[in-house]
Amino acid sequence: MGDEFMYTPSVYTQKPEKKPDDRSDYAAKNSADYWATAVSENPLNRLRLLDAKLARPGVDVESIKARAGELIREIGAAKVLGDPDCVGLVRQLFGQRGVDRLKERASA
């Protein structure tokens, strides 16, 4: 034995200091700024925001469903059907029957 001084230690005795990561703070702020301007520019963006909120864990689906119904009636069936993201939201919340009802309203 006695060879403990021949080798350099393979594990740091003192951990290097980890710098705080500002990228996540920047991303959250950037996303909030984007949605703040996007929802005021285009009513379809309000539906896209609901779709983004629906992806969060622990969200109240019933409140999103009610608000999405209001926005769909406000925007109109033809415009909602013209946006694939909004059609996906309708399908997720109301099922294929909801999409079929939108198609009926758009054709009338």
C-alpha atoms as a PDB file:
ATOM      1  CA  MET A   1       0.000   0.000   0.000  1.00  0.00           C
ATOM      2  CA  GLY A   2       1.414   3.422   0.594  1.00  0.00           C
ATOM      3  CA  ASP A   3       0.841   4.422  -2.997  1.00  0.00           C
ATOM      4  CA  GLU A   4      -1.908   6.968  -2.260  1.00  0.00           C
ATOM      5  CA  PHE A   5       0.433   9.822  -3.130  1.00  0.00           C
ATOM      6  CA  MET A   6       1.445   8.416  -6.500  1.00  0.00           C
ATOM      7  CA  TYR A   7      -1.927   8.959  -8.180  1.00  0.00           C
ATOM      8  CA  THR A   8      -4.006  12.050  -8.538  1.00  0.00           C
ATOM      9  CA  PRO A   9      -7.473  11.650  -7.089  1.00  0.00           C
ATOM     10  CA  SER A  10     -10.038  10.666  -9.695  1.00  0.00           C
ATOM     11  CA  VAL A  11     -12.895  12.342  -7.849  1.00  0.00           C
ATOM     12  CA  TYR A  12     -12.860  16.018  -7.075  1.00  0.00           C
ATOM     13  CA  THR A  13     -12.803  16.639  -3.386  1.00  0.00           C
ATOM     14  CA  GLN A  14     -14.467  19.950  -4.042  1.00  0.00           C
ATOM     15  CA  LYS A  15     -17.342  20.085  -6.539  1.00  0.00           C
ATOM     16  CA  PRO A  16     -17.140  22.778  -9.169  1.00  0.00           C
ATOM     17  CA  GLU A  17     -19.611  25.564  -8.602  1.00  0.00           C
ATOM     18  CA  LYS A  18     -22.617  25.331 -10.889  1.00  0.00           C
ATOM     19  CA  LYS A  19     -23.649  28.581 -12.501  1.00  0.00           C
ATOM     20  CA  PRO A  20     -27.336  29.370 -12.537  1.00  0.00           C
ATOM     21  CA  ASP A  21     -28.997  28.697 -15.853  1.00  0.00           C
ATOM     22  CA  ASP A  22     -30.735  31.802 -17.135  1.00  0.00           C
ATOM     23  CA  ARG A  23     -31.943  30.113 -20.312  1.00  0.00           C
ATOM     24  CA  SER A  24     -35.108  28.789 -18.696  1.00  0.00           C
ATOM     25  CA  ASP A  25     -35.948  32.207 -17.249  1.00  0.00           C
ATOM     26  CA  TYR A  26     -35.355  33.772 -20.645  1.00  0.00           C
ATOM     27  CA  ALA A  27     -37.510  31.164 -22.389  1.00  0.00           C
ATOM     28  CA  ALA A  28     -40.392  31.654 -19.955  1.00  0.00           C
ATOM     29  CA  LYS A  29     -40.248  35.436 -20.335  1.00  0.00           C
ATOM     30  CA  ASN A  30     -39.972  35.197 -24.106  1.00  0.00           C
ATOM     31  CA  SER A  31     -42.974  32.864 -24.269  1.00  0.00           C
ATOM     32  CA  ALA A  32     -45.074  35.118 -22.044  1.00  0.00           C
ATOM     33  CA  ASP A  33     -44.208  38.140 -24.181  1.00  0.00           C
ATOM     34  CA  TYR A  34     -45.116  36.274 -27.364  1.00  0.00           C
ATOM     35  CA  TRP A  35     -48.522  35.147 -26.092  1.00  0.00           C
ATOM     36  CA  ALA A  36     -49.296  38.613 -24.714  1.00  0.00           C
ATOM     37  CA  THR A  37     -49.032  40.123 -28.180  1.00  0.00           C
ATOM     38  CA  ALA A  38     -50.303  37.118 -30.160  1.00  0.00           C
ATOM     39  CA  VAL A  39     -53.676  36.864 -28.429  1.00  0.00           C
ATOM     40  CA  SER A  40     -54.430  40.502 -29.140  1.00  0.00           C
ATOM     41  CA  GLU A  41     -53.522  40.268 -32.840  1.00  0.00           C
ATOM     42  CA  ASN A  42     -55.552  37.265 -33.973  1.00  0.00           C
ATOM     43  CA  PRO A  43     -58.528  35.526 -32.337  1.00  0.00           C
ATOM     44  CA  LEU A  44     -57.291  32.146 -33.571  1.00  0.00           C
ATOM     45  CA  ASN A  45     -54.241  32.640 -31.387  1.00  0.00           C
ATOM     46  CA  ARG A  46     -56.533  32.572 -28.351  1.00  0.00           C
ATOM     47  CA  LEU A  47     -57.511  29.042 -29.319  1.00  0.00           C
ATOM     48  CA  ARG A  48     -53.846  28.147 -29.811  1.00  0.00           C
ATOM     49  CA  LEU A  49     -53.127  29.492 -26.326  1.00  0.00           C
ATOM     50  CA  LEU A  50     -55.850  27.230 -24.940  1.00  0.00           C
ATOM     51  CA  ASP A  51     -54.214  24.336 -26.759  1.00  0.00           C
ATOM     52  CA  ALA A  52     -50.895  25.213 -25.112  1.00  0.00           C
ATOM     53  CA  LYS A  53     -52.563  25.447 -21.696  1.00  0.00           C
ATOM     54  CA  LEU A  54     -54.216  22.080 -22.249  1.00  0.00           C
ATOM     55  CA  ALA A  55     -50.772  20.489 -22.577  1.00  0.00           C
ATOM     56  CA  ARG A  56     -49.891  21.442 -19.005  1.00  0.00           C
ATOM     57  CA  PRO A  57     -50.322  18.812 -16.309  1.00  0.00           C
ATOM     58  CA  GLY A  58     -53.114  19.330 -13.799  1.00  0.00           C
ATOM     59  CA  VAL A  59     -55.109  21.773 -15.902  1.00  0.00           C
ATOM     60  CA  ASP A  60     -58.876  22.197 -15.506  1.00  0.00           C
ATOM     61  CA  VAL A  61     -60.123  20.725 -18.784  1.00  0.00           C
ATOM     62  CA  GLU A  62     -63.742  21.774 -18.235  1.00  0.00           C
ATOM     63  CA  SER A  63     -62.876  25.468 -18.004  1.00  0.00           C
ATOM     64  CA  ILE A  64     -60.759  25.226 -21.156  1.00  0.00           C
ATOM     65  CA  LYS A  65     -63.575  23.380 -22.894  1.00  0.00           C
ATOM     66  CA  ALA A  66     -66.076  26.111 -21.991  1.00  0.00           C
ATOM     67  CA  ARG A  67     -63.764  28.918 -23.119  1.00  0.00           C
ATOM     68  CA  ALA A  68     -62.926  27.088 -26.359  1.00  0.00           C
ATOM     69  CA  GLY A  69     -66.633  26.763 -27.131  1.00  0.00           C
ATOM     70  CA  GLU A  70     -67.107  30.505 -26.650  1.00  0.00           C
ATOM     71  CA  LEU A  71     -64.164  31.331 -28.887  1.00  0.00           C
ATOM     72  CA  ILE A  72     -65.272  28.916 -31.608  1.00  0.00           C
ATOM     73  CA  ARG A  73     -68.697  30.540 -31.724  1.00  0.00           C
ATOM     74  CA  GLU A  74     -67.082  33.979 -31.812  1.00  0.00           C
ATOM     75  CA  ILE A  75     -64.557  33.171 -34.542  1.00  0.00           C
ATOM     76  CA  GLY A  76     -66.763  31.092 -36.792  1.00  0.00           C
ATOM     77  CA  ALA A  77     -66.644  27.499 -37.935  1.00  0.00           C
ATOM     78  CA  ALA A  78     -64.999  28.148 -41.303  1.00  0.00           C
ATOM     79  CA  LYS A  79     -61.989  29.962 -39.824  1.00  0.00           C
ATOM     80  CA  VAL A  80     -61.520  27.305 -37.128  1.00  0.00           C
ATOM     81  CA  LEU A  81     -61.613  24.531 -39.722  1.00  0.00           C
ATOM     82  CA  GLY A  82     -59.004  26.387 -41.774  1.00  0.00           C
ATOM     83  CA  ASP A  83     -56.425  26.059 -38.998  1.00  0.00           C
ATOM     84  CA  PRO A  84     -55.091  22.522 -38.353  1.00  0.00           C
ATOM     85  CA  ASP A  85     -53.981  23.373 -34.811  1.00  0.00           C
ATOM     86  CA  CYS A  86     -57.473  24.530 -33.897  1.00  0.00           C
ATOM     87  CA  VAL A  87     -59.032  21.445 -35.486  1.00  0.00           C
ATOM     88  CA  GLY A  88     -56.748  19.321 -33.312  1.00  0.00           C
ATOM     89  CA  LEU A  89     -57.889  21.215 -30.234  1.00  0.00           C
ATOM     90  CA  VAL A  90     -61.548  20.719 -31.161  1.00  0.00           C
ATOM     91  CA  ARG A  91     -60.941  17.022 -31.755  1.00  0.00           C
ATOM     92  CA  GLN A  92     -59.164  16.688 -28.419  1.00  0.00           C
ATOM     93  CA  LEU A  93     -61.863  18.502 -26.452  1.00  0.00           C
ATOM     94  CA  PHE A  94     -65.058  17.542 -28.264  1.00  0.00           C
ATOM     95  CA  GLY A  95     -64.075  14.470 -30.265  1.00  0.00           C
ATOM     96  CA  GLN A  96     -64.793  13.778 -33.899  1.00  0.00           C
ATOM     97  CA  ARG A  97     -68.439  14.747 -33.341  1.00  0.00           C
ATOM     98  CA  GLY A  98     -67.297  18.294 -32.597  1.00  0.00           C
ATOM     99  CA  VAL A  99     -65.336  18.481 -35.830  1.00  0.00           C
ATOM    100  CA  ASP A 100     -68.319  17.103 -37.763  1.00  0.00           C
ATOM    101  CA  ARG A 101     -70.594  19.728 -36.201  1.00  0.00           C
ATOM    102  CA  LEU A 102     -68.145  22.444 -37.231  1.00  0.00           C
ATOM    103  CA  LYS A 103     -68.173  21.132 -40.792  1.00  0.00           C
ATOM    104  CA  GLU A 104     -71.972  21.239 -40.800  1.00  0.00           C
ATOM    105  CA  ARG A 105     -71.971  24.821 -39.519  1.00  0.00           C
ATOM    106  CA  ALA A 106     -69.360  25.873 -42.053  1.00  0.00           C
ATOM    107  CA  SER A 107     -71.335  24.429 -44.960  1.00  0.00           C
ATOM    108  CA  ALA A 108     -74.596  26.089 -43.835  1.00  0.00           C
END
